Structure formats: structure tokens, C-alpha cells
Amino acid sequence: MSMKPSLPEYGTDATGADTYATVINGITRECHNLSAVCDTQDAIISLDGGTTDHLFVDASQGQLVFQGLVIPKAAVIQGKNASAGNNYANLRITVW
């Protein structure tokens, strides 16, 4: 009997930087939804290790949910500051 990997999967980056940091290092199966929340400053999320697929997270909007995505199995999800030097705090990402 095989078991499905548990979902949702989540990760946190405590302190933003101007280069991408890994928040979730390889999801266990394809996902179609992502939620993100950031305590301070805006952030950019990449679904493929900082190459493309950038999503903007507006810190003033609270939790943002993106639906209908195709996030492939083993995707590396990363985050960085939306603007240089404006370090965010506690970027939290969940995929399912």
C-alpha cells in the first residue's frame, strides 16, 4: 500500500534579502495553490528556483492566495525583497 505525501507543505524565510532564498526546498507532488503572507515589506516569490514565475506579495494585504497554478513536483520555491534593501520579516509560504 502506498501513501500520498502529506500536504500542505510550508516554509518560512525569517529575514529578506536582495537575492533569492529557498523557502520550500522541493515539494513532494504537483500543487495548484499557494498562499503567502509577509509581516513587513513586500516580497517576490519564484516557483522555480529564482529563474522565472515571479509572484508579488504585498505585505499590506495580509494573506494572499494564488489558485490555479501548476507547481511541479520537486519545485524549489524561493523569496526575495521586492525592492532592494527593504528586508521583509517572516515570509511564510504554503502550497497544496
N, C-alpha and C. Protein backbone atom coordinates (compact mmCIF):
# COMPACT_ATOMS: atom_id res chain seq x y z
N MET A 1 0.84 -1.17 0.00
CA MET A 1 0.00 0.00 0.00
C MET A 1 0.89 1.24 0.00
N SER A 2 0.63 2.16 -0.95
CA SER A 2 1.41 3.39 -0.99
C SER A 2 0.62 4.51 -0.33
N MET A 3 1.36 5.44 0.25
CA MET A 3 0.72 6.59 0.91
C MET A 3 1.04 7.84 0.12
N LYS A 4 0.07 8.72 0.00
CA LYS A 4 0.30 10.01 -0.65
C LYS A 4 1.14 10.88 0.28
N PRO A 5 2.03 11.69 -0.30
CA PRO A 5 2.78 12.64 0.53
C PRO A 5 1.82 13.61 1.21
N SER A 6 2.18 14.03 2.38
CA SER A 6 1.29 14.93 3.13
C SER A 6 1.32 16.32 2.52
N LEU A 7 0.18 16.94 2.48
CA LEU A 7 0.03 18.32 2.06
C LEU A 7 -0.87 19.00 3.08
N PRO A 8 -0.83 20.26 3.28
CA PRO A 8 0.04 21.21 2.59
C PRO A 8 1.50 21.12 3.05
N GLU A 9 2.36 21.74 2.28
CA GLU A 9 3.76 21.88 2.65
C GLU A 9 4.03 23.36 2.85
N TYR A 10 4.90 23.68 3.78
CA TYR A 10 5.11 25.09 4.07
C TYR A 10 6.56 25.36 4.43
N GLY A 11 6.92 26.64 4.34
CA GLY A 11 8.26 27.08 4.72
C GLY A 11 8.24 28.55 5.08
N THR A 12 9.29 28.98 5.76
CA THR A 12 9.40 30.37 6.21
C THR A 12 10.81 30.89 5.94
N ASP A 13 10.89 32.13 5.51
CA ASP A 13 12.17 32.83 5.44
C ASP A 13 12.07 33.99 6.42
N ALA A 14 12.88 33.96 7.47
CA ALA A 14 12.73 34.92 8.56
C ALA A 14 13.13 36.34 8.18
N THR A 15 14.18 36.49 7.39
CA THR A 15 14.70 37.83 7.08
C THR A 15 15.00 37.94 5.61
N GLY A 16 14.35 38.86 4.93
CA GLY A 16 14.52 39.03 3.50
C GLY A 16 15.90 39.53 3.11
N ALA A 17 16.22 39.31 1.86
CA ALA A 17 17.48 39.80 1.28
C ALA A 17 17.22 40.16 -0.17
N ASP A 18 18.20 40.76 -0.82
CA ASP A 18 18.04 41.19 -2.21
C ASP A 18 18.30 40.07 -3.21
N THR A 19 18.70 38.91 -2.74
CA THR A 19 18.85 37.73 -3.60
C THR A 19 17.91 36.64 -3.08
N TYR A 20 17.57 35.71 -3.95
CA TYR A 20 16.60 34.67 -3.59
C TYR A 20 17.12 33.75 -2.48
N ALA A 21 16.21 33.41 -1.56
CA ALA A 21 16.48 32.43 -0.52
C ALA A 21 15.44 31.32 -0.65
N THR A 22 15.84 30.10 -0.42
CA THR A 22 14.91 28.98 -0.52
C THR A 22 13.97 28.97 0.68
N VAL A 23 12.67 28.91 0.39
CA VAL A 23 11.65 28.84 1.44
C VAL A 23 11.10 27.42 1.53
N ILE A 24 10.86 26.78 0.39
CA ILE A 24 10.46 25.37 0.36
C ILE A 24 11.40 24.67 -0.62
N ASN A 25 12.10 23.66 -0.14
CA ASN A 25 13.13 23.01 -0.95
C ASN A 25 12.61 21.71 -1.56
N GLY A 26 11.80 21.83 -2.60
CA GLY A 26 11.33 20.66 -3.33
C GLY A 26 10.04 20.08 -2.76
N ILE A 27 8.92 20.38 -3.40
CA ILE A 27 7.64 19.84 -2.94
C ILE A 27 7.52 18.38 -3.38
N THR A 28 6.73 17.61 -2.65
CA THR A 28 6.69 16.17 -2.89
C THR A 28 5.75 15.75 -4.00
N ARG A 29 4.84 16.64 -4.41
CA ARG A 29 4.00 16.33 -5.57
C ARG A 29 3.47 17.63 -6.17
N GLU A 30 2.95 17.56 -7.38
CA GLU A 30 2.45 18.76 -8.04
C GLU A 30 1.38 19.44 -7.19
N CYS A 31 1.45 20.76 -7.13
CA CYS A 31 0.48 21.55 -6.37
C CYS A 31 -0.13 22.60 -7.28
N HIS A 32 -1.31 23.09 -6.88
CA HIS A 32 -2.02 24.07 -7.71
C HIS A 32 -2.42 25.33 -6.95
N ASN A 33 -2.08 25.38 -5.67
CA ASN A 33 -2.43 26.54 -4.85
C ASN A 33 -1.23 26.96 -4.01
N LEU A 34 -1.12 28.26 -3.78
CA LEU A 34 -0.06 28.79 -2.96
C LEU A 34 -0.62 29.95 -2.15
N SER A 35 -0.31 29.97 -0.86
CA SER A 35 -0.66 31.14 -0.05
C SER A 35 0.63 31.72 0.50
N ALA A 36 0.64 33.03 0.67
CA ALA A 36 1.83 33.71 1.16
C ALA A 36 1.41 34.87 2.05
N VAL A 37 2.17 35.07 3.09
CA VAL A 37 1.97 36.21 3.98
C VAL A 37 3.35 36.68 4.41
N CYS A 38 3.48 38.00 4.56
CA CYS A 38 4.76 38.60 4.93
C CYS A 38 4.46 39.69 5.95
N ASP A 39 5.20 39.68 7.06
CA ASP A 39 4.90 40.63 8.14
C ASP A 39 5.25 42.07 7.80
N THR A 40 6.37 42.29 7.16
CA THR A 40 6.79 43.65 6.82
C THR A 40 7.39 43.68 5.43
N GLN A 41 7.23 44.74 4.72
CA GLN A 41 7.78 44.93 3.37
C GLN A 41 7.21 43.91 2.39
N ASP A 42 7.32 44.22 1.13
CA ASP A 42 6.81 43.35 0.07
C ASP A 42 7.87 42.33 -0.33
N ALA A 43 7.41 41.24 -0.95
CA ALA A 43 8.32 40.17 -1.36
C ALA A 43 7.98 39.70 -2.77
N ILE A 44 8.93 39.05 -3.40
CA ILE A 44 8.74 38.39 -4.68
C ILE A 44 8.99 36.91 -4.46
N ILE A 45 8.13 36.07 -5.03
CA ILE A 45 8.26 34.62 -4.91
C ILE A 45 8.55 34.04 -6.30
N SER A 46 9.47 33.09 -6.35
CA SER A 46 9.74 32.35 -7.58
C SER A 46 9.40 30.89 -7.34
N LEU A 47 8.72 30.29 -8.31
CA LEU A 47 8.30 28.89 -8.20
C LEU A 47 9.32 27.94 -8.79
N ASP A 48 10.39 28.46 -9.36
CA ASP A 48 11.37 27.57 -10.00
C ASP A 48 12.80 27.98 -9.69
N GLY A 49 13.08 28.19 -8.42
CA GLY A 49 14.44 28.45 -8.00
C GLY A 49 15.02 29.77 -8.43
N GLY A 50 14.19 30.79 -8.61
CA GLY A 50 14.68 32.13 -8.91
C GLY A 50 14.85 32.43 -10.38
N THR A 51 14.40 31.55 -11.26
CA THR A 51 14.58 31.76 -12.69
C THR A 51 13.45 32.60 -13.27
N THR A 52 12.22 32.14 -13.12
CA THR A 52 11.05 32.86 -13.63
C THR A 52 9.88 32.60 -12.67
N ASP A 53 8.66 32.78 -13.19
CA ASP A 53 7.44 32.54 -12.40
C ASP A 53 7.42 33.36 -11.13
N HIS A 54 7.48 34.66 -11.27
CA HIS A 54 7.54 35.54 -10.11
C HIS A 54 6.14 35.99 -9.69
N LEU A 55 5.86 35.86 -8.40
CA LEU A 55 4.60 36.32 -7.81
C LEU A 55 4.93 37.44 -6.83
N PHE A 56 4.12 38.49 -6.81
CA PHE A 56 4.34 39.63 -5.93
C PHE A 56 3.48 39.50 -4.69
N VAL A 57 4.08 39.66 -3.52
CA VAL A 57 3.36 39.59 -2.25
C VAL A 57 3.38 40.98 -1.63
N ASP A 58 2.21 41.59 -1.52
CA ASP A 58 2.05 42.92 -0.92
C ASP A 58 1.82 42.73 0.57
N ALA A 59 2.79 43.14 1.39
CA ALA A 59 2.72 42.91 2.84
C ALA A 59 1.49 43.56 3.46
N SER A 60 0.99 44.64 2.88
CA SER A 60 -0.16 45.34 3.47
C SER A 60 -1.48 44.62 3.23
N GLN A 61 -1.49 43.63 2.35
CA GLN A 61 -2.73 42.93 2.01
C GLN A 61 -3.02 41.71 2.87
N GLY A 62 -2.17 41.38 3.82
CA GLY A 62 -2.37 40.19 4.62
C GLY A 62 -2.06 38.94 3.81
N GLN A 63 -2.78 37.87 4.06
CA GLN A 63 -2.53 36.62 3.35
C GLN A 63 -3.04 36.69 1.92
N LEU A 64 -2.19 36.33 0.98
CA LEU A 64 -2.57 36.27 -0.43
C LEU A 64 -2.64 34.81 -0.85
N VAL A 65 -3.64 34.46 -1.66
CA VAL A 65 -3.78 33.10 -2.14
C VAL A 65 -3.79 33.13 -3.66
N PHE A 66 -2.93 32.33 -4.26
CA PHE A 66 -2.87 32.17 -5.70
C PHE A 66 -3.40 30.78 -6.03
N GLN A 67 -4.43 30.70 -6.87
CA GLN A 67 -5.03 29.42 -7.23
C GLN A 67 -4.85 29.15 -8.72
N GLY A 68 -4.93 27.88 -9.09
CA GLY A 68 -4.84 27.51 -10.49
C GLY A 68 -3.43 27.50 -11.03
N LEU A 69 -2.44 27.42 -10.16
CA LEU A 69 -1.05 27.36 -10.59
C LEU A 69 -0.69 25.92 -10.95
N VAL A 70 0.38 25.75 -11.68
CA VAL A 70 0.96 24.43 -11.88
C VAL A 70 2.37 24.49 -11.30
N ILE A 71 2.51 23.98 -10.10
CA ILE A 71 3.80 23.95 -9.42
C ILE A 71 4.27 22.50 -9.49
N PRO A 72 5.27 22.20 -10.29
CA PRO A 72 5.65 20.81 -10.50
C PRO A 72 6.29 20.18 -9.27
N LYS A 73 6.17 18.86 -9.21
CA LYS A 73 6.84 18.09 -8.15
C LYS A 73 8.31 18.47 -8.15
N ALA A 74 8.87 18.58 -6.97
CA ALA A 74 10.28 18.91 -6.73
C ALA A 74 10.61 20.39 -6.98
N ALA A 75 9.60 21.23 -7.21
CA ALA A 75 9.85 22.67 -7.40
C ALA A 75 10.53 23.25 -6.17
N VAL A 76 11.47 24.14 -6.40
CA VAL A 76 12.13 24.88 -5.33
C VAL A 76 11.50 26.28 -5.31
N ILE A 77 10.88 26.63 -4.20
CA ILE A 77 10.18 27.91 -4.09
C ILE A 77 11.02 28.86 -3.26
N GLN A 78 11.30 30.03 -3.83
CA GLN A 78 12.19 30.98 -3.19
C GLN A 78 11.54 32.35 -3.06
N GLY A 79 12.09 33.17 -2.17
CA GLY A 79 11.60 34.53 -1.99
C GLY A 79 12.75 35.51 -1.86
N LYS A 80 12.47 36.77 -2.22
CA LYS A 80 13.44 37.85 -2.02
C LYS A 80 12.69 39.16 -1.85
N ASN A 81 13.41 40.19 -1.47
CA ASN A 81 12.81 41.51 -1.31
C ASN A 81 12.23 41.99 -2.63
N ALA A 82 11.10 42.67 -2.55
CA ALA A 82 10.50 43.24 -3.75
C ALA A 82 11.29 44.45 -4.25
N SER A 83 11.95 45.15 -3.34
CA SER A 83 12.80 46.27 -3.74
C SER A 83 14.09 46.23 -2.90
N ALA A 84 15.17 46.62 -3.51
CA ALA A 84 16.49 46.49 -2.89
C ALA A 84 16.56 47.16 -1.52
N GLY A 85 17.08 46.42 -0.56
CA GLY A 85 17.31 46.96 0.78
C GLY A 85 16.10 46.97 1.69
N ASN A 86 14.91 46.70 1.18
CA ASN A 86 13.70 46.69 2.02
C ASN A 86 13.44 45.27 2.51
N ASN A 87 14.19 44.87 3.52
CA ASN A 87 14.12 43.50 4.02
C ASN A 87 12.78 43.21 4.68
N TYR A 88 12.12 42.17 4.20
CA TYR A 88 10.88 41.73 4.83
C TYR A 88 11.20 40.91 6.07
N ALA A 89 10.17 40.61 6.85
CA ALA A 89 10.31 39.71 8.00
C ALA A 89 9.24 38.63 7.90
N ASN A 90 9.65 37.40 8.13
CA ASN A 90 8.73 36.26 8.21
C ASN A 90 7.85 36.07 6.98
N LEU A 91 8.46 35.83 5.84
CA LEU A 91 7.71 35.43 4.66
C LEU A 91 7.33 33.96 4.85
N ARG A 92 6.02 33.69 4.85
CA ARG A 92 5.52 32.34 5.06
C ARG A 92 4.77 31.89 3.82
N ILE A 93 5.18 30.74 3.27
CA ILE A 93 4.58 30.20 2.05
C ILE A 93 4.05 28.81 2.32
N THR A 94 2.82 28.56 1.82
CA THR A 94 2.21 27.25 1.92
C THR A 94 1.75 26.84 0.54
N VAL A 95 1.98 25.58 0.16
CA VAL A 95 1.48 25.05 -1.12
C VAL A 95 0.67 23.80 -0.85
N TRP A 96 -0.34 23.61 -1.69
CA TRP A 96 -1.17 22.40 -1.62
C TRP A 96 -1.85 22.13 -2.94
